[in-house]
C-alpha atoms as a PDB file:
ATOM      1  CA  MET A   1      11.095  -7.899  11.555  1.00  0.00           C
ATOM      2  CA  ILE A   2       9.887  -5.562   8.859  1.00  0.00           C
ATOM      3  CA  ARG A   3       6.452  -4.014   8.829  1.00  0.00           C
ATOM      4  CA  VAL A   4       4.847  -4.071   5.409  1.00  0.00           C
ATOM      5  CA  CYS A   5       2.005  -1.677   4.576  1.00  0.00           C
ATOM      6  CA  LEU A   6      -0.233  -3.325   1.986  1.00  0.00           C
ATOM      7  CA  ASP A   7      -2.103  -1.188  -0.494  1.00  0.00           C
ATOM      8  CA  THR A   8      -5.473  -1.999  -2.036  1.00  0.00           C
ATOM      9  CA  ASN A   9      -4.174  -3.394  -5.325  1.00  0.00           C
ATOM     10  CA  ALA A  10      -1.617  -5.566  -3.568  1.00  0.00           C
ATOM     11  CA  ILE A  11      -4.360  -7.142  -1.481  1.00  0.00           C
ATOM     12  CA  ILE A  12      -6.601  -7.676  -4.509  1.00  0.00           C
ATOM     13  CA  ASP A  13      -3.656  -9.240  -6.351  1.00  0.00           C
ATOM     14  CA  ILE A  14      -2.804 -11.768  -3.657  1.00  0.00           C
ATOM     15  CA  CYS A  15      -6.381 -12.650  -2.766  1.00  0.00           C
ATOM     16  CA  TYR A  16      -8.039 -12.665  -6.183  1.00  0.00           C
ATOM     17  CA  ARG A  17      -6.075 -11.714  -9.323  1.00  0.00           C
ATOM     18  CA  TYR A  18      -2.595 -13.236  -9.337  1.00  0.00           C
ATOM     19  CA  TYR A  19      -1.877 -15.307  -6.221  1.00  0.00           C
ATOM     20  CA  PRO A  20      -5.158 -16.788  -4.919  1.00  0.00           C
ATOM     21  CA  ILE A  21      -4.732 -19.445  -2.251  1.00  0.00           C
ATOM     22  CA  GLU A  22      -6.488 -22.090  -4.359  1.00  0.00           C
ATOM     23  CA  ILE A  23      -3.628 -21.953  -6.885  1.00  0.00           C
ATOM     24  CA  PHE A  24      -0.685 -20.626  -4.863  1.00  0.00           C
ATOM     25  CA  LYS A  25      -1.065 -22.328  -1.490  1.00  0.00           C
ATOM     26  CA  THR A  26       2.722 -22.731  -1.256  1.00  0.00           C
ATOM     27  CA  ILE A  27       3.206 -18.957  -1.450  1.00  0.00           C
ATOM     28  CA  TRP A  28       0.523 -18.359   1.174  1.00  0.00           C
ATOM     29  CA  ASP A  29       2.083 -21.003   3.457  1.00  0.00           C
ATOM     30  CA  SER A  30       5.521 -19.437   2.995  1.00  0.00           C
ATOM     31  CA  LEU A  31       4.163 -15.999   3.875  1.00  0.00           C
ATOM     32  CA  LEU A  32       2.400 -17.425   6.928  1.00  0.00           C
ATOM     33  CA  ASN A  33       5.663 -19.107   7.987  1.00  0.00           C
ATOM     34  CA  SER A  34       7.502 -15.788   7.580  1.00  0.00           C
ATOM     35  CA  ILE A  35       4.899 -14.100   9.769  1.00  0.00           C
ATOM     36  CA  SER A  36       5.114 -16.869  12.396  1.00  0.00           C
ATOM     37  CA  ALA A  37       8.908 -16.620  12.385  1.00  0.00           C
ATOM     38  CA  GLY A  38       8.668 -12.874  13.046  1.00  0.00           C
ATOM     39  CA  LEU A  39      10.271 -11.875   9.748  1.00  0.00           C
ATOM     40  CA  ILE A  40       7.361  -9.727   8.556  1.00  0.00           C
ATOM     41  CA  LYS A  41       4.218  -8.082   9.896  1.00  0.00           C
ATOM     42  CA  PHE A  42       1.512  -6.888   7.512  1.00  0.00           C
ATOM     43  CA  VAL A  43      -0.299  -3.657   8.328  1.00  0.00           C
ATOM     44  CA  VAL A  44      -2.886  -1.533   6.534  1.00  0.00           C
ATOM     45  CA  SER A  45      -4.287   1.875   7.231  1.00  0.00           C
ATOM     46  CA  GLU A  46      -7.904   2.081   8.282  1.00  0.00           C
ATOM     47  CA  ASP A  47      -8.548   3.959   5.016  1.00  0.00           C
ATOM     48  CA  ILE A  48      -7.113   1.110   2.922  1.00  0.00           C
ATOM     49  CA  ARG A  49      -9.156  -1.472   4.828  1.00  0.00           C
ATOM     50  CA  GLN A  50     -12.346   0.461   4.091  1.00  0.00           C
ATOM     51  CA  GLU A  51     -11.348   0.948   0.451  1.00  0.00           C
ATOM     52  CA  ILE A  52     -10.530  -2.735  -0.130  1.00  0.00           C
ATOM     53  CA  TYR A  53     -13.878  -3.941   1.203  1.00  0.00           C
ATOM     54  CA  GLY A  54     -15.613  -1.377  -1.007  1.00  0.00           C
ATOM     55  CA  ARG A  55     -13.682  -2.502  -4.078  1.00  0.00           C
ATOM     56  CA  VAL A  56     -14.310  -6.202  -3.444  1.00  0.00           C
ATOM     57  CA  ALA A  57     -18.043  -5.502  -3.253  1.00  0.00           C
ATOM     58  CA  LEU A  58     -17.894  -4.088  -6.805  1.00  0.00           C
ATOM     59  CA  PHE A  59     -16.471  -7.235  -8.450  1.00  0.00           C
ATOM     60  CA  ASP A  60     -18.443 -10.346  -9.311  1.00  0.00           C
ATOM     61  CA  GLY A  61     -16.661 -13.417  -8.025  1.00  0.00           C
ATOM     62  CA  TYR A  62     -14.686 -11.549  -5.363  1.00  0.00           C
ATOM     63  CA  SER A  63     -16.024 -12.985  -2.132  1.00  0.00           C
ATOM     64  CA  PRO A  64     -15.519 -10.838   0.967  1.00  0.00           C
ATOM     65  CA  ILE A  65     -15.013 -14.110   2.864  1.00  0.00           C
ATOM     66  CA  VAL A  66     -11.636 -14.495   1.107  1.00  0.00           C
ATOM     67  CA  LEU A  67     -10.711 -11.036   2.349  1.00  0.00           C
ATOM     68  CA  ASP A  68     -11.902 -11.797   5.881  1.00  0.00           C
ATOM     69  CA  ASP A  69      -9.817 -14.998   5.885  1.00  0.00           C
ATOM     70  CA  PHE A  70      -6.776 -13.116   4.552  1.00  0.00           C
ATOM     71  CA  PHE A  71      -6.963 -10.464   7.275  1.00  0.00           C
ATOM     72  CA  LYS A  72      -7.518 -13.069   9.988  1.00  0.00           C
ATOM     73  CA  SER A  73      -5.000 -15.725   8.939  1.00  0.00           C
ATOM     74  CA  PHE A  74      -2.251 -13.189   8.196  1.00  0.00           C
ATOM     75  CA  ASN A  75      -3.049 -11.330  11.434  1.00  0.00           C
ATOM     76  CA  ILE A  76      -3.040  -8.017   9.596  1.00  0.00           C
ATOM     77  CA  GLU A  77      -2.876  -5.039  11.900  1.00  0.00           C
ATOM     78  CA  VAL A  78      -5.292  -2.269  10.934  1.00  0.00           C
ATOM     79  CA  ILE A  79      -3.790   1.062  11.948  1.00  0.00           C
ATOM     80  CA  ARG A  80      -6.417   3.482  13.206  1.00  0.00           C
ATOM     81  CA  LYS A  81      -6.723   6.799  11.423  1.00  0.00           C
ATOM     82  CA  THR A  82      -6.119   8.674  14.670  1.00  0.00           C
ATOM     83  CA  THR A  83      -2.620   7.138  14.688  1.00  0.00           C
ATOM     84  CA  TYR A  84      -1.580   8.505  11.283  1.00  0.00           C
ATOM     85  CA  GLN A  85      -3.939  11.458  10.675  1.00  0.00           C
ATOM     86  CA  THR A  86      -1.406  14.131  11.643  1.00  0.00           C
ATOM     87  CA  GLN A  87       1.296  12.521   9.494  1.00  0.00           C
ATOM     88  CA  LEU A  88      -1.163  12.252   6.570  1.00  0.00           C
ATOM     89  CA  LEU A  89      -2.116  15.940   6.776  1.00  0.00           C
ATOM     90  CA  TYR A  90       1.547  16.927   6.985  1.00  0.00           C
ATOM     91  CA  LEU A  91       2.384  14.737   3.974  1.00  0.00           C
ATOM     92  CA  GLN A  92      -0.486  16.147   1.906  1.00  0.00           C
ATOM     93  CA  ASN A  93       0.514  19.718   2.737  1.00  0.00           C
ATOM     94  CA  GLN A  94       4.182  19.037   2.006  1.00  0.00           C
ATOM     95  CA  MET A  95       3.370  17.503  -1.369  1.00  0.00           C
ATOM     96  CA  ILE A  96       1.116  20.403  -2.386  1.00  0.00           C
ATOM     97  CA  GLU A  97       3.817  22.904  -1.471  1.00  0.00           C
ATOM     98  CA  GLU A  98       6.852  21.078  -2.888  1.00  0.00           C
ATOM     99  CA  LEU A  99       5.918  18.964  -5.895  1.00  0.00           C
ATOM    100  CA  PRO A 100       5.928  20.355  -9.433  1.00  0.00           C
ATOM    101  CA  PHE A 101       2.847  18.197 -10.132  1.00  0.00           C
ATOM    102  CA  PHE A 102       0.729  20.554  -8.014  1.00  0.00           C
ATOM    103  CA  GLN A 103       2.357  23.882  -8.858  1.00  0.00           C
ATOM    104  CA  ASN A 104       0.308  24.810 -11.943  1.00  0.00           C
ATOM    105  CA  MET A 105      -3.027  23.820 -10.421  1.00  0.00           C
ATOM    106  CA  LYS A 106      -5.529  26.154  -8.869  1.00  0.00           C
ATOM    107  CA  VAL A 107      -5.844  25.738  -5.116  1.00  0.00           C
ATOM    108  CA  GLU A 108      -9.223  23.970  -5.352  1.00  0.00           C
ATOM    109  CA  ARG A 109      -7.844  21.449  -7.847  1.00  0.00           C
ATOM    110  CA  ARG A 110      -4.748  20.837  -5.707  1.00  0.00           C
ATOM    111  CA  LEU A 111      -6.912  20.022  -2.704  1.00  0.00           C
ATOM    112  CA  LYS A 112      -9.234  17.822  -4.753  1.00  0.00           C
ATOM    113  CA  LYS A 113      -6.297  15.891  -6.238  1.00  0.00           C
ATOM    114  CA  VAL A 114      -4.457  15.394  -2.948  1.00  0.00           C
ATOM    115  CA  ASN A 115      -7.695  14.286  -1.281  1.00  0.00           C
ATOM    116  CA  GLY A 116      -8.290  11.893  -4.200  1.00  0.00           C
ATOM    117  CA  ILE A 117      -5.064  10.063  -3.396  1.00  0.00           C
ATOM    118  CA  SER A 118      -5.483  10.206   0.373  1.00  0.00           C
ATOM    119  CA  ASN A 119      -6.019   6.433   0.685  1.00  0.00           C
ATOM    120  CA  ASP A 120      -2.667   5.794  -1.002  1.00  0.00           C
ATOM    121  CA  LEU A 121      -1.054   8.489   1.096  1.00  0.00           C
ATOM    122  CA  SER A 122      -2.569   6.999   4.256  1.00  0.00           C
ATOM    123  CA  ASN A 123      -0.377   3.922   3.834  1.00  0.00           C
ATOM    124  CA  ILE A 124       2.655   6.103   3.241  1.00  0.00           C
ATOM    125  CA  ALA A 125       1.789   8.052   6.395  1.00  0.00           C
ATOM    126  CA  VAL A 126       1.558   4.732   8.259  1.00  0.00           C
ATOM    127  CA  ALA A 127       4.910   3.666   6.815  1.00  0.00           C
ATOM    128  CA  ILE A 128       6.476   6.893   8.049  1.00  0.00           C
ATOM    129  CA  SER A 129       4.950   6.701  11.515  1.00  0.00           C
ATOM    130  CA  LYS A 130       5.561   2.949  11.968  1.00  0.00           C
ATOM    131  CA  ASN A 131       8.976   2.774  10.239  1.00  0.00           C
ATOM    132  CA  ALA A 132       7.578   0.380   7.637  1.00  0.00           C
ATOM    133  CA  CYS A 133       7.895  -0.282   3.942  1.00  0.00           C
ATOM    134  CA  VAL A 134       5.045  -0.221   1.415  1.00  0.00           C
ATOM    135  CA  LEU A 135       3.933  -3.068  -0.829  1.00  0.00           C
ATOM    136  CA  THR A 136       2.043  -2.073  -3.964  1.00  0.00           C
ATOM    137  CA  SER A 137       1.221  -3.377  -7.413  1.00  0.00           C
ATOM    138  CA  GLU A 138       1.341   0.113  -8.838  1.00  0.00           C
ATOM    139  CA  GLN A 139       4.076   1.002 -11.295  1.00  0.00           C
ATOM    140  CA  GLY A 140       5.676   4.410 -10.892  1.00  0.00           C
ATOM    141  CA  PHE A 141       7.298   6.670 -13.443  1.00  0.00           C
ATOM    142  CA  ASN A 142      10.703   6.137 -11.796  1.00  0.00           C
ATOM    143  CA  LYS A 143      11.205   9.886 -11.630  1.00  0.00           C
ATOM    144  CA  ASP A 144      12.129  12.246  -8.850  1.00  0.00           C
ATOM    145  CA  ILE A 145       8.707  13.785  -8.264  1.00  0.00           C
ATOM    146  CA  SER A 146      10.276  16.518  -6.136  1.00  0.00           C
ATOM    147  CA  LYS A 147      12.050  17.844  -9.238  1.00  0.00           C
ATOM    148  CA  GLU A 148      10.264  16.497 -12.305  1.00  0.00           C
ATOM    149  CA  LEU A 149       6.746  16.985 -13.549  1.00  0.00           C
ATOM    150  CA  VAL A 150       4.900  13.669 -13.804  1.00  0.00           C
ATOM    151  CA  GLY A 151       1.537  12.748 -15.300  1.00  0.00           C
ATOM    152  CA  ASP A 152       0.185  11.487 -11.974  1.00  0.00           C
ATOM    153  CA  ILE A 153       1.296  10.738  -8.451  1.00  0.00           C
ATOM    154  CA  LYS A 154       2.115   7.036  -8.033  1.00  0.00           C
ATOM    155  CA  ILE A 155       2.864   5.138  -4.831  1.00  0.00           C
ATOM    156  CA  PRO A 156       6.408   3.974  -5.790  1.00  0.00           C
ATOM    157  CA  ASP A 157       7.421   7.523  -6.730  1.00  0.00           C
ATOM    158  CA  THR A 158       5.938   8.933  -3.532  1.00  0.00           C
ATOM    159  CA  CYS A 159       7.805   6.295  -1.523  1.00  0.00           C
ATOM    160  CA  LYS A 160      11.032   7.288  -3.246  1.00  0.00           C
ATOM    161  CA  TYR A 161      10.275  10.967  -2.497  1.00  0.00           C
ATOM    162  CA  LYS A 162       9.859  10.098   1.201  1.00  0.00           C
ATOM    163  CA  SER A 163      12.766   7.578   1.270  1.00  0.00           C
ATOM    164  CA  ILE A 164      10.493   4.624   2.016  1.00  0.00           C
ATOM    165  CA  ILE A 165      11.277   1.148   0.721  1.00  0.00           C
ATOM    166  CA  CYS A 166       8.632   0.102  -1.789  1.00  0.00           C
ATOM    167  CA  TYR A 167       8.088  -3.547  -2.704  1.00  0.00           C
ATOM    168  CA  THR A 168       5.999  -5.492  -5.161  1.00  0.00           C
ATOM    169  CA  TRP A 169       4.901  -9.020  -4.255  1.00  0.00           C
ATOM    170  CA  LEU A 170       7.791 -10.447  -6.290  1.00  0.00           C
ATOM    171  CA  ASP A 171      10.250  -8.206  -4.435  1.00  0.00           C
ATOM    172  CA  LEU A 172       8.898  -9.452  -1.113  1.00  0.00           C
ATOM    173  CA  PHE A 173       8.958 -13.088  -2.251  1.00  0.00           C
ATOM    174  CA  ASN A 174      12.625 -12.653  -3.239  1.00  0.00           C
ATOM    175  CA  TYR A 175      13.451 -10.902   0.056  1.00  0.00           C
ATOM    176  CA  LEU A 176      11.888 -13.789   1.989  1.00  0.00           C
ATOM    177  CA  GLY A 177      13.480 -16.469  -0.218  1.00  0.00           C
ATOM    178  CA  ILE A 178      10.142 -17.671  -1.541  1.00  0.00           C
ATOM    179  CA  ASN A 179      11.163 -19.107  -4.878  1.00  0.00           C
ATOM    180  CA  LYS A 180       8.972 -22.187  -5.282  1.00  0.00           C
ATOM    181  CA  ILE A 181       5.266 -22.240  -5.977  1.00  0.00           C
END
């Protein structure tokens, strides 16, 4: 079984934007079957869970009931912050010290930037502590952020930096053999 840490955009995509159950019931059923068979387990950090409910509240037409049903039917495990807090702080500190992205910033700006991406990093911290992969809709720069200067820190690039498998929904569908909608 693989644990899959879902990020905010991935959840919005499956619940509302690209794969809503009303249109893609076959995909949802296939994912539920994969969960029942013990092939995958979805997890989210407590920070991501709070962020997703906040984001859904901002959009007209995005019912929180859909989100509640998603979390319940997919039996998504919410990882408490106390479980990953130490790993998150270590990751933030390591990135500030090692990545060229942060090197030319003043200390205050470094801290502000790393805190601004702490929700994304919380899922990476969970992935590290729970030996999981990350599923995101974000597109990275496909660069080695430990050596190259990038315009921003993206989840796929951070996963690569930490040697964590990073999926998109299509990658996961392919991995699970979900090829019919």
